[in-house]
Amino acid sequence: MATEGITSASDVQMDYMNLLVTQLQNQNPLEPMDNQDMAAQLAQFSQLQQLETLNTSFGQVLKSVQYDYASSLIGKQVSYEATADDGTTTTVTGEVSAVGTGSEGEITVTVDDQIVNLSDVTSIRD
């Protein structure tokens, strides 16, 4: 899941492979590339790709734990900071009735008919 401006390990590895093929096609036959250097670079890209996969998996586990936590809030009183139309901030308290996912993938809770990001909850009471 690469975002704009961020290149995934597989994209970098593919770019490297294209560059490597070009270098091999155009190398000086009297001074060929060092095989150990190529193998080391390929190993580094493989490790980078594995770390990227691990990071993605960890992110999915974290999201699942957060969703489970949010679900445990159903029926409890929570407080969050709300900004009024005039720009003032007040603390609002209400009961959580549902858990969901926002438009950008963030976890939300429904508090007295208001959808609130889980990260905006400031306190919890039974």
Protein backbone atom coordinates (compact mmCIF):
# COMPACT_ATOMS: atom_id res chain seq x y z
CA MET A 1 0.00 0.00 0.00
CA ALA A 2 2.27 2.76 -1.24
CA THR A 3 1.10 6.35 -0.98
CA GLU A 4 2.06 9.22 -3.24
CA GLY A 5 5.71 10.15 -2.75
CA ILE A 6 6.57 6.84 -1.08
CA THR A 7 8.06 4.03 -3.12
CA SER A 8 7.55 0.45 -2.01
CA ALA A 9 10.43 -1.98 -1.69
CA SER A 10 9.15 -3.97 -4.69
CA ASP A 11 9.12 -0.83 -6.85
CA VAL A 12 12.67 0.02 -5.80
CA GLN A 13 13.75 -3.57 -6.42
CA MET A 14 12.18 -3.55 -9.89
CA ASP A 15 13.91 -0.25 -10.72
CA TYR A 16 17.19 -1.73 -9.49
CA MET A 17 16.74 -4.85 -11.62
CA ASN A 18 16.07 -2.71 -14.72
CA LEU A 19 19.19 -0.66 -13.98
CA LEU A 20 21.22 -3.84 -13.37
CA VAL A 21 20.16 -5.35 -16.70
CA THR A 22 21.09 -2.12 -18.48
CA GLN A 23 24.47 -2.06 -16.74
CA LEU A 24 25.13 -5.69 -17.63
CA GLN A 25 24.24 -5.06 -21.28
CA ASN A 26 26.55 -2.06 -21.46
CA GLN A 27 29.42 -3.12 -19.21
CA ASN A 28 33.03 -3.15 -20.32
CA PRO A 29 33.88 -6.82 -21.02
CA LEU A 30 37.41 -6.21 -19.76
CA GLU A 31 36.10 -4.94 -16.39
CA PRO A 32 32.90 -6.89 -15.55
CA MET A 33 30.75 -6.08 -12.52
CA ASP A 34 31.58 -7.75 -9.21
CA ASN A 35 29.19 -10.65 -8.51
CA GLN A 36 29.50 -10.23 -4.74
CA ASP A 37 28.35 -6.62 -4.90
CA MET A 38 25.31 -7.58 -6.99
CA ALA A 39 24.43 -10.44 -4.63
CA ALA A 40 24.77 -8.18 -1.58
CA GLN A 41 22.51 -5.55 -3.11
CA LEU A 42 19.89 -8.14 -4.06
CA ALA A 43 19.98 -9.52 -0.50
CA GLN A 44 19.46 -6.02 0.90
CA PHE A 45 16.45 -5.48 -1.34
CA SER A 46 15.03 -8.83 -0.28
CA GLN A 47 15.39 -7.84 3.39
CA LEU A 48 13.78 -4.48 2.70
CA GLN A 49 10.82 -6.18 1.02
CA GLN A 50 10.42 -8.59 3.96
CA LEU A 51 10.49 -5.66 6.42
CA GLU A 52 7.87 -3.86 4.38
CA THR A 53 5.64 -6.96 4.47
CA LEU A 54 6.19 -7.32 8.22
CA ASN A 55 5.33 -3.65 8.74
CA THR A 56 2.11 -4.04 6.76
CA SER A 57 1.15 -7.14 8.75
CA PHE A 58 1.91 -5.41 12.04
CA GLY A 59 -0.26 -2.46 10.98
CA GLN A 60 -3.16 -4.82 10.31
CA VAL A 61 -2.76 -6.48 13.73
CA LEU A 62 -2.64 -3.07 15.42
CA LYS A 63 -5.82 -1.97 13.65
CA SER A 64 -7.56 -5.19 14.76
CA VAL A 65 -6.52 -4.63 18.38
CA GLN A 66 -7.74 -1.03 18.22
CA TYR A 67 -11.07 -2.17 16.76
CA ASP A 68 -11.47 -4.77 19.53
CA TYR A 69 -10.67 -2.10 22.12
CA ALA A 70 -13.21 0.28 20.59
CA SER A 71 -15.81 -2.51 20.67
CA SER A 72 -15.20 -2.93 24.41
CA LEU A 73 -16.34 0.69 24.86
CA ILE A 74 -19.92 -0.03 23.74
CA GLY A 75 -22.26 0.83 26.61
CA LYS A 76 -19.63 2.91 28.45
CA GLN A 77 -19.55 6.64 29.03
CA VAL A 78 -16.72 8.41 27.19
CA SER A 79 -15.63 12.03 26.91
CA TYR A 80 -14.14 13.80 23.92
CA GLU A 81 -13.30 17.35 22.89
CA ALA A 82 -15.76 18.89 20.42
CA THR A 83 -15.31 22.14 18.54
CA ALA A 84 -18.42 24.27 18.12
CA ASP A 85 -19.22 26.34 15.02
CA ASP A 86 -17.90 29.46 16.76
CA GLY A 87 -14.50 27.77 17.34
CA THR A 88 -14.88 27.11 21.06
CA THR A 89 -13.89 23.72 22.42
CA THR A 90 -15.98 21.86 24.97
CA THR A 91 -15.80 18.45 26.58
CA VAL A 92 -18.72 16.26 25.61
CA THR A 93 -19.67 13.07 27.47
CA GLY A 94 -21.98 10.37 26.20
CA GLU A 95 -22.54 6.65 25.80
CA VAL A 96 -20.87 4.66 23.03
CA SER A 97 -23.47 2.80 20.98
CA ALA A 98 -21.49 1.62 17.94
CA VAL A 99 -18.05 1.20 16.43
CA GLY A 100 -17.14 1.79 12.81
CA THR A 101 -14.49 2.80 10.35
CA GLY A 102 -14.20 6.33 8.97
CA SER A 103 -13.69 7.35 5.36
CA GLU A 104 -9.89 7.29 5.74
CA GLY A 105 -9.80 3.96 7.58
CA GLU A 106 -9.67 5.43 11.08
CA ILE A 107 -11.64 3.70 13.84
CA THR A 108 -14.66 5.64 15.05
CA VAL A 109 -17.18 5.31 17.87
CA THR A 110 -20.74 6.60 17.86
CA VAL A 111 -21.38 8.66 20.99
CA ASP A 112 -25.00 9.85 21.36
CA ASP A 113 -25.47 9.99 17.56
CA GLN A 114 -22.11 11.75 17.02
CA ILE A 115 -19.33 9.92 15.18
CA VAL A 116 -16.03 10.46 16.99
CA ASN A 117 -12.55 9.22 16.12
CA LEU A 118 -11.30 6.75 18.71
CA SER A 119 -8.13 8.82 19.00
CA ASP A 120 -10.24 11.82 20.15
CA VAL A 121 -11.66 10.00 23.20
CA THR A 122 -10.11 11.58 26.29
CA SER A 123 -11.68 9.57 29.14
CA ILE A 124 -13.75 6.45 29.76
CA ARG A 125 -16.19 5.66 32.58
CA ASP A 126 -18.23 2.50 33.21
